[in-house]
Amino acid sequence: MSGHLRMMISDNLGAAEFGRFMEEAGDGGKKHLMVSDGIMVDFLRQFPENAVESVMVQRILTSYQMQKALMETDNDPHFIGIRSEIISSWEPDILQSIYDIMKIKSYYRGCMIYFYVIGEPGIFMQYMGKRFVSLEHNVEKHVEGGLYSWEEQH
C-alpha cells in the first residue's frame, strides 16, 4: 500500500493546512504532528474538536532528532512543520537522508506525510528532491498539486 508525500513551502501555517491534513488522514487512528521551534499551534482553534485526543505532538529541535523520529515512529499520518531558517542550517547529507526516509515511509510503508517549510525557499530544496510546491513563492520544479503519488511514478 503506497502513501504519498506532500512537500509545501508557505509563509504561514494555519487552520486550513491542518484541516486539509486531518480531512485526508481520516477520523480513525492517531496522527503525528512534528514542529520545529518558531511554529505555534493552537489546538483548540486549528484542529477539529474530536482530533485533539488523536494527535501526537513532538517538537523537532535538531536534524538528528528528526531523522530518528521519522525512523522510529509508526506509519500513521505525519504532519511536519519546520521553519525555513532552521532547515536551511542543517547539513546537506542530513537533508538528503530525511528526504529518503520520508520517501521510504510513504512508498513502502504507506505513510501519508505532509511536509511544510514555513518561510522563504532556500538551499535545502536542492537536497530534498526538488518537489516543493508553493502558492506564495515562485518555485521552479514541482509536482502538480504538491502531491507525490507513488502510483503515478511506478
N, C-alpha and C. Protein backbone atom coordinates (compact mmCIF):
# COMPACT_ATOMS: atom_id res chain seq x y z
N MET A 1 0.84 -1.18 0.00
CA MET A 1 0.00 0.00 0.00
C MET A 1 0.88 1.24 0.00
N SER A 2 0.80 2.04 -1.03
CA SER A 2 1.62 3.25 -1.14
C SER A 2 0.89 4.45 -0.55
N GLY A 3 1.62 5.28 0.16
CA GLY A 3 1.08 6.52 0.68
C GLY A 3 1.48 7.65 -0.23
N HIS A 4 1.50 8.84 0.29
CA HIS A 4 2.00 9.94 -0.51
C HIS A 4 2.74 10.95 0.35
N LEU A 5 3.59 11.69 -0.32
CA LEU A 5 4.44 12.68 0.32
C LEU A 5 4.12 14.03 -0.32
N ARG A 6 3.61 14.95 0.48
CA ARG A 6 3.28 16.30 0.00
C ARG A 6 4.27 17.27 0.63
N MET A 7 5.01 18.01 -0.20
CA MET A 7 6.03 18.94 0.28
C MET A 7 5.66 20.35 -0.16
N MET A 8 5.46 21.24 0.81
CA MET A 8 4.99 22.59 0.53
C MET A 8 5.88 23.63 1.21
N ILE A 9 5.93 24.82 0.59
CA ILE A 9 6.55 25.99 1.21
C ILE A 9 5.46 27.03 1.36
N SER A 10 5.35 27.60 2.54
CA SER A 10 4.29 28.57 2.80
C SER A 10 4.81 29.67 3.71
N ASP A 11 4.15 30.82 3.66
CA ASP A 11 4.53 31.92 4.54
C ASP A 11 4.02 31.72 5.96
N ASN A 12 2.94 30.98 6.11
CA ASN A 12 2.42 30.71 7.44
C ASN A 12 1.72 29.36 7.46
N LEU A 13 1.41 28.92 8.63
CA LEU A 13 0.78 27.63 8.83
C LEU A 13 -0.47 27.87 9.65
N GLY A 14 -1.62 27.54 9.09
CA GLY A 14 -2.86 27.85 9.79
C GLY A 14 -3.85 26.71 9.79
N ALA A 15 -5.06 27.06 10.15
CA ALA A 15 -6.13 26.08 10.28
C ALA A 15 -6.44 25.38 8.96
N ALA A 16 -6.30 26.07 7.84
CA ALA A 16 -6.61 25.46 6.54
C ALA A 16 -5.68 24.29 6.24
N GLU A 17 -4.39 24.46 6.52
CA GLU A 17 -3.42 23.39 6.27
C GLU A 17 -3.67 22.19 7.17
N PHE A 18 -3.91 22.47 8.46
CA PHE A 18 -4.19 21.38 9.40
C PHE A 18 -5.50 20.69 9.05
N GLY A 19 -6.50 21.48 8.67
CA GLY A 19 -7.80 20.92 8.30
C GLY A 19 -7.70 19.99 7.10
N ARG A 20 -6.95 20.40 6.08
CA ARG A 20 -6.75 19.57 4.90
C ARG A 20 -6.07 18.25 5.28
N PHE A 21 -5.06 18.35 6.13
CA PHE A 21 -4.36 17.15 6.59
C PHE A 21 -5.30 16.23 7.35
N MET A 22 -6.04 16.78 8.30
CA MET A 22 -6.94 15.97 9.12
C MET A 22 -8.03 15.32 8.28
N GLU A 23 -8.52 16.05 7.29
CA GLU A 23 -9.55 15.50 6.41
C GLU A 23 -9.02 14.32 5.61
N GLU A 24 -7.83 14.47 5.09
CA GLU A 24 -7.24 13.39 4.29
C GLU A 24 -6.79 12.22 5.16
N ALA A 25 -6.36 12.50 6.39
CA ALA A 25 -5.90 11.45 7.29
C ALA A 25 -7.06 10.60 7.81
N GLY A 26 -8.25 11.16 7.82
CA GLY A 26 -9.42 10.42 8.28
C GLY A 26 -9.63 10.53 9.78
N ASP A 27 -10.75 10.00 10.21
CA ASP A 27 -11.14 10.13 11.62
C ASP A 27 -10.45 9.13 12.53
N GLY A 28 -10.23 7.93 12.06
CA GLY A 28 -9.68 6.89 12.93
C GLY A 28 -8.18 6.97 13.09
N GLY A 29 -7.70 6.44 14.17
CA GLY A 29 -6.26 6.34 14.40
C GLY A 29 -5.61 7.62 14.85
N LYS A 30 -4.35 7.49 15.20
CA LYS A 30 -3.62 8.66 15.66
C LYS A 30 -2.89 9.33 14.50
N LYS A 31 -2.48 10.55 14.74
CA LYS A 31 -1.72 11.33 13.77
C LYS A 31 -0.52 11.93 14.48
N HIS A 32 0.57 12.09 13.74
CA HIS A 32 1.79 12.66 14.31
C HIS A 32 1.93 14.10 13.83
N LEU A 33 2.20 14.99 14.76
CA LEU A 33 2.47 16.39 14.45
C LEU A 33 3.88 16.69 14.95
N MET A 34 4.79 16.99 14.01
CA MET A 34 6.17 17.33 14.36
C MET A 34 6.41 18.76 13.94
N VAL A 35 6.82 19.61 14.88
CA VAL A 35 7.04 21.02 14.58
C VAL A 35 8.38 21.47 15.14
N SER A 36 9.00 22.41 14.43
CA SER A 36 10.27 22.97 14.88
C SER A 36 10.01 24.20 15.74
N ASP A 37 11.06 24.74 16.31
CA ASP A 37 10.95 25.99 17.05
C ASP A 37 10.43 27.07 16.11
N GLY A 38 9.67 28.00 16.67
CA GLY A 38 9.15 29.11 15.88
C GLY A 38 7.79 28.84 15.27
N ILE A 39 7.25 27.67 15.48
CA ILE A 39 5.92 27.35 14.96
C ILE A 39 4.98 27.17 16.14
N MET A 40 3.96 27.99 16.16
CA MET A 40 2.97 27.95 17.24
C MET A 40 1.73 27.22 16.74
N VAL A 41 1.18 26.35 17.56
CA VAL A 41 -0.02 25.60 17.20
C VAL A 41 -1.05 25.80 18.31
N ASP A 42 -2.21 26.29 17.93
CA ASP A 42 -3.33 26.45 18.86
C ASP A 42 -4.32 25.32 18.56
N PHE A 43 -4.25 24.26 19.33
CA PHE A 43 -5.06 23.07 19.05
C PHE A 43 -6.55 23.37 19.04
N LEU A 44 -7.02 24.19 19.95
CA LEU A 44 -8.45 24.43 20.05
C LEU A 44 -8.99 25.17 18.84
N ARG A 45 -8.17 25.98 18.19
CA ARG A 45 -8.63 26.74 17.03
C ARG A 45 -8.23 26.12 15.70
N GLN A 46 -7.10 25.44 15.65
CA GLN A 46 -6.58 24.96 14.37
C GLN A 46 -6.91 23.51 14.06
N PHE A 47 -7.36 22.76 15.03
CA PHE A 47 -7.72 21.37 14.80
C PHE A 47 -9.20 21.17 15.10
N PRO A 48 -9.83 20.22 14.42
CA PRO A 48 -11.22 19.90 14.75
C PRO A 48 -11.32 19.42 16.20
N GLU A 49 -12.49 19.61 16.81
CA GLU A 49 -12.68 19.27 18.22
C GLU A 49 -12.32 17.83 18.55
N ASN A 50 -12.75 16.91 17.72
CA ASN A 50 -12.53 15.50 18.03
C ASN A 50 -11.11 15.03 17.74
N ALA A 51 -10.27 15.88 17.16
CA ALA A 51 -8.92 15.47 16.76
C ALA A 51 -7.87 15.64 17.85
N VAL A 52 -8.16 16.46 18.83
CA VAL A 52 -7.15 16.79 19.83
C VAL A 52 -6.61 15.55 20.54
N GLU A 53 -7.47 14.59 20.80
CA GLU A 53 -7.04 13.39 21.53
C GLU A 53 -6.22 12.44 20.67
N SER A 54 -6.33 12.54 19.34
CA SER A 54 -5.64 11.58 18.48
C SER A 54 -4.33 12.11 17.90
N VAL A 55 -3.95 13.35 18.24
CA VAL A 55 -2.74 13.95 17.67
C VAL A 55 -1.59 13.81 18.66
N MET A 56 -0.50 13.21 18.19
CA MET A 56 0.71 13.05 18.99
C MET A 56 1.68 14.15 18.58
N VAL A 57 2.08 15.00 19.51
CA VAL A 57 2.91 16.16 19.19
C VAL A 57 4.35 15.91 19.60
N GLN A 58 5.27 16.31 18.72
CA GLN A 58 6.70 16.22 19.02
C GLN A 58 7.39 17.47 18.50
N ARG A 59 8.18 18.10 19.35
CA ARG A 59 8.96 19.27 18.96
C ARG A 59 10.26 18.77 18.34
N ILE A 60 10.60 19.29 17.15
CA ILE A 60 11.83 18.92 16.47
C ILE A 60 12.87 20.00 16.77
N LEU A 61 13.93 19.61 17.45
CA LEU A 61 14.97 20.57 17.82
C LEU A 61 16.22 20.45 16.95
N THR A 62 16.54 19.24 16.50
CA THR A 62 17.74 19.05 15.68
C THR A 62 17.42 18.16 14.48
N SER A 63 18.30 18.20 13.50
CA SER A 63 18.12 17.36 12.31
C SER A 63 18.22 15.88 12.68
N TYR A 64 19.10 15.56 13.62
CA TYR A 64 19.26 14.16 14.03
C TYR A 64 18.01 13.65 14.74
N GLN A 65 17.39 14.52 15.53
CA GLN A 65 16.15 14.15 16.20
C GLN A 65 15.06 13.88 15.17
N MET A 66 15.02 14.68 14.12
CA MET A 66 14.03 14.49 13.06
C MET A 66 14.25 13.14 12.36
N GLN A 67 15.50 12.85 12.03
CA GLN A 67 15.83 11.56 11.41
C GLN A 67 15.35 10.40 12.28
N LYS A 68 15.72 10.46 13.53
CA LYS A 68 15.40 9.38 14.46
C LYS A 68 13.89 9.25 14.64
N ALA A 69 13.21 10.38 14.79
CA ALA A 69 11.75 10.34 14.98
C ALA A 69 11.06 9.73 13.77
N LEU A 70 11.49 10.10 12.58
CA LEU A 70 10.88 9.54 11.37
C LEU A 70 11.13 8.03 11.26
N MET A 71 12.32 7.60 11.64
CA MET A 71 12.63 6.18 11.55
C MET A 71 11.89 5.35 12.59
N GLU A 72 11.67 5.93 13.77
CA GLU A 72 11.12 5.15 14.88
C GLU A 72 9.61 5.25 15.03
N THR A 73 8.98 6.23 14.40
CA THR A 73 7.53 6.35 14.55
C THR A 73 6.83 5.33 13.66
N ASP A 74 5.56 5.10 13.99
CA ASP A 74 4.77 4.15 13.20
C ASP A 74 4.38 4.79 11.86
N ASN A 75 3.50 4.14 11.15
CA ASN A 75 3.14 4.59 9.81
C ASN A 75 1.82 5.34 9.75
N ASP A 76 1.37 5.83 10.89
CA ASP A 76 0.20 6.69 10.90
C ASP A 76 0.56 8.02 10.24
N PRO A 77 -0.43 8.79 9.79
CA PRO A 77 -0.14 10.05 9.07
C PRO A 77 0.73 11.01 9.87
N HIS A 78 1.64 11.70 9.15
CA HIS A 78 2.56 12.66 9.75
C HIS A 78 2.34 14.04 9.15
N PHE A 79 2.32 15.05 10.00
CA PHE A 79 2.32 16.45 9.56
C PHE A 79 3.58 17.06 10.16
N ILE A 80 4.47 17.52 9.29
CA ILE A 80 5.75 18.07 9.74
C ILE A 80 5.82 19.53 9.33
N GLY A 81 6.07 20.40 10.28
CA GLY A 81 6.22 21.83 10.01
C GLY A 81 7.56 22.32 10.53
N ILE A 82 8.37 22.91 9.64
CA ILE A 82 9.71 23.37 10.01
C ILE A 82 9.93 24.77 9.47
N ARG A 83 10.51 25.63 10.28
CA ARG A 83 10.86 26.98 9.83
C ARG A 83 11.99 26.90 8.82
N SER A 84 11.92 27.75 7.81
CA SER A 84 12.92 27.79 6.74
C SER A 84 14.32 28.06 7.29
N GLU A 85 14.41 28.94 8.27
CA GLU A 85 15.72 29.28 8.84
C GLU A 85 16.36 28.07 9.51
N ILE A 86 15.55 27.24 10.10
CA ILE A 86 16.07 26.07 10.81
C ILE A 86 16.52 25.00 9.84
N ILE A 87 15.68 24.66 8.87
CA ILE A 87 16.05 23.60 7.92
C ILE A 87 17.21 24.03 7.04
N SER A 88 17.35 25.33 6.80
CA SER A 88 18.47 25.83 5.99
C SER A 88 19.81 25.67 6.71
N SER A 89 19.78 25.53 8.03
CA SER A 89 21.02 25.38 8.79
C SER A 89 21.47 23.92 8.89
N TRP A 90 20.67 22.99 8.43
CA TRP A 90 21.01 21.57 8.52
C TRP A 90 21.96 21.17 7.41
N GLU A 91 22.78 20.17 7.67
CA GLU A 91 23.77 19.67 6.70
C GLU A 91 23.08 19.04 5.49
N PRO A 92 23.63 19.23 4.29
CA PRO A 92 23.02 18.66 3.07
C PRO A 92 22.83 17.14 3.11
N ASP A 93 23.80 16.41 3.66
CA ASP A 93 23.66 14.95 3.70
C ASP A 93 22.53 14.53 4.64
N ILE A 94 22.31 15.29 5.69
CA ILE A 94 21.21 15.00 6.61
C ILE A 94 19.87 15.28 5.92
N LEU A 95 19.81 16.38 5.17
CA LEU A 95 18.58 16.70 4.43
C LEU A 95 18.24 15.60 3.43
N GLN A 96 19.25 15.11 2.73
CA GLN A 96 19.01 14.02 1.77
C GLN A 96 18.53 12.76 2.49
N SER A 97 19.11 12.50 3.65
CA SER A 97 18.71 11.34 4.43
C SER A 97 17.25 11.47 4.90
N ILE A 98 16.88 12.64 5.37
CA ILE A 98 15.49 12.87 5.81
C ILE A 98 14.53 12.68 4.64
N TYR A 99 14.91 13.21 3.49
CA TYR A 99 14.07 13.05 2.30
C TYR A 99 13.93 11.57 1.93
N ASP A 100 15.03 10.83 1.98
CA ASP A 100 14.99 9.40 1.67
C ASP A 100 14.11 8.63 2.65
N ILE A 101 14.20 8.97 3.92
CA ILE A 101 13.38 8.32 4.94
C ILE A 101 11.90 8.58 4.66
N MET A 102 11.57 9.83 4.32
CA MET A 102 10.17 10.15 4.02
C MET A 102 9.68 9.40 2.78
N LYS A 103 10.53 9.27 1.77
CA LYS A 103 10.14 8.51 0.57
C LYS A 103 9.89 7.05 0.91
N ILE A 104 10.78 6.47 1.71
CA ILE A 104 10.63 5.06 2.09
C ILE A 104 9.35 4.86 2.90
N LYS A 105 9.12 5.75 3.88
CA LYS A 105 7.90 5.62 4.70
C LYS A 105 6.65 5.73 3.86
N SER A 106 6.65 6.65 2.90
CA SER A 106 5.44 6.83 2.10
C SER A 106 5.26 5.73 1.06
N TYR A 107 6.32 5.32 0.41
CA TYR A 107 6.19 4.33 -0.66
C TYR A 107 6.05 2.90 -0.13
N TYR A 108 6.98 2.49 0.72
CA TYR A 108 6.99 1.10 1.16
C TYR A 108 6.06 0.83 2.33
N ARG A 109 5.81 1.84 3.15
CA ARG A 109 5.00 1.61 4.34
C ARG A 109 3.62 2.26 4.29
N GLY A 110 3.33 2.99 3.22
CA GLY A 110 2.01 3.58 3.04
C GLY A 110 1.71 4.74 3.97
N CYS A 111 2.73 5.42 4.44
CA CYS A 111 2.58 6.52 5.38
C CYS A 111 2.30 7.83 4.63
N MET A 112 1.22 8.51 5.01
CA MET A 112 0.91 9.81 4.44
C MET A 112 1.73 10.87 5.19
N ILE A 113 2.50 11.68 4.45
CA ILE A 113 3.34 12.70 5.07
C ILE A 113 3.07 14.05 4.41
N TYR A 114 2.70 15.03 5.24
CA TYR A 114 2.62 16.43 4.81
C TYR A 114 3.85 17.11 5.40
N PHE A 115 4.70 17.65 4.55
CA PHE A 115 5.95 18.29 4.98
C PHE A 115 5.89 19.76 4.58
N TYR A 116 5.74 20.64 5.56
CA TYR A 116 5.63 22.08 5.31
C TYR A 116 6.89 22.79 5.79
N VAL A 117 7.45 23.65 4.93
CA VAL A 117 8.52 24.56 5.33
C VAL A 117 7.89 25.95 5.38
N ILE A 118 8.04 26.61 6.52
CA ILE A 118 7.43 27.92 6.72
C ILE A 118 8.50 28.98 6.55
N GLY A 119 8.32 29.84 5.55
CA GLY A 119 9.29 30.90 5.28
C GLY A 119 9.70 30.90 3.82
N GLU A 120 10.86 31.43 3.56
CA GLU A 120 11.37 31.58 2.20
C GLU A 120 12.00 30.29 1.68
N PRO A 121 11.91 30.04 0.36
CA PRO A 121 12.64 28.91 -0.23
C PRO A 121 14.14 29.08 0.01
N GLY A 122 14.85 27.98 0.10
CA GLY A 122 16.28 28.05 0.37
C GLY A 122 17.04 26.92 -0.28
N ILE A 123 18.31 26.83 0.07
CA ILE A 123 19.19 25.82 -0.50
C ILE A 123 18.74 24.40 -0.14
N PHE A 124 18.01 24.26 0.96
CA PHE A 124 17.53 22.95 1.37
C PHE A 124 16.72 22.26 0.27
N MET A 125 16.09 23.04 -0.60
CA MET A 125 15.27 22.47 -1.67
C MET A 125 16.09 21.60 -2.62
N GLN A 126 17.36 21.96 -2.81
CA GLN A 126 18.21 21.20 -3.73
C GLN A 126 18.51 19.80 -3.21
N TYR A 127 18.41 19.62 -1.91
CA TYR A 127 18.77 18.33 -1.30
C TYR A 127 17.55 17.48 -0.94
N MET A 128 16.37 18.01 -1.22
CA MET A 128 15.16 17.28 -0.84
C MET A 128 14.28 16.97 -2.04
N GLY A 129 14.89 16.60 -3.14
CA GLY A 129 14.15 16.10 -4.28
C GLY A 129 13.52 17.13 -5.18
N LYS A 130 13.69 18.41 -4.89
CA LYS A 130 13.12 19.50 -5.71
C LYS A 130 11.64 19.29 -5.97
N ARG A 131 10.91 18.85 -4.99
CA ARG A 131 9.49 18.54 -5.17
C ARG A 131 8.58 19.44 -4.35
N PHE A 132 9.04 20.62 -4.00
CA PHE A 132 8.22 21.54 -3.22
C PHE A 132 7.24 22.29 -4.10
N VAL A 133 6.10 22.60 -3.54
CA VAL A 133 5.09 23.42 -4.19
C VAL A 133 4.82 24.61 -3.28
N SER A 134 4.61 25.77 -3.88
CA SER A 134 4.32 26.95 -3.10
C SER A 134 3.29 27.80 -3.83
N LEU A 135 2.31 28.27 -3.09
CA LEU A 135 1.34 29.20 -3.66
C LEU A 135 1.84 30.63 -3.59
N GLU A 136 2.73 30.92 -2.63
CA GLU A 136 3.21 32.29 -2.44
C GLU A 136 4.54 32.57 -3.14
N HIS A 137 5.37 31.54 -3.32
CA HIS A 137 6.72 31.72 -3.85
C HIS A 137 6.83 31.10 -5.23
N ASN A 138 7.73 31.62 -6.03
CA ASN A 138 7.97 31.06 -7.36
C ASN A 138 8.95 29.90 -7.22
N VAL A 139 8.43 28.70 -7.23
CA VAL A 139 9.24 27.50 -7.11
C VAL A 139 9.32 26.87 -8.49
N GLU A 140 10.55 26.70 -9.00
CA GLU A 140 10.75 26.27 -10.38
C GLU A 140 10.22 24.87 -10.67
N LYS A 141 10.73 23.88 -9.96
CA LYS A 141 10.35 22.49 -10.25
C LYS A 141 9.40 22.00 -9.18
N HIS A 142 8.27 21.50 -9.60
CA HIS A 142 7.33 20.97 -8.64
C HIS A 142 6.42 19.94 -9.29
N VAL A 143 5.81 19.14 -8.46
CA VAL A 143 4.83 18.18 -8.91
C VAL A 143 3.48 18.86 -8.82
N GLU A 144 2.66 18.73 -9.83
CA GLU A 144 1.36 19.39 -9.85
C GLU A 144 0.57 19.10 -8.58
N GLY A 145 0.15 20.14 -7.90
CA GLY A 145 -0.63 19.99 -6.68
C GLY A 145 0.19 19.66 -5.46
N GLY A 146 1.48 19.48 -5.60
CA GLY A 146 2.32 19.18 -4.46
C GLY A 146 2.22 17.75 -3.97
N LEU A 147 1.46 16.93 -4.68
CA LEU A 147 1.26 15.56 -4.25
C LEU A 147 2.19 14.64 -5.01
N TYR A 148 3.04 13.94 -4.30
CA TYR A 148 3.93 12.98 -4.94
C TYR A 148 3.27 11.62 -4.79
N SER A 149 2.52 11.23 -5.78
CA SER A 149 1.79 9.97 -5.71
C SER A 149 2.64 8.87 -6.32
N TRP A 150 2.98 7.89 -5.51
CA TRP A 150 3.86 6.83 -5.97
C TRP A 150 3.22 6.00 -7.07
N GLU A 151 1.91 5.85 -7.04
CA GLU A 151 1.26 5.05 -8.06
C GLU A 151 1.46 5.66 -9.45
N GLU A 152 1.55 6.98 -9.54
CA GLU A 152 1.75 7.64 -10.82
C GLU A 152 3.19 7.49 -11.30
N GLN A 153 4.12 7.31 -10.40
CA GLN A 153 5.53 7.25 -10.76
C GLN A 153 6.00 5.83 -11.08
N HIS A 154 5.37 4.81 -10.50
CA HIS A 154 5.85 3.43 -10.67
C HIS A 154 4.75 2.55 -11.21
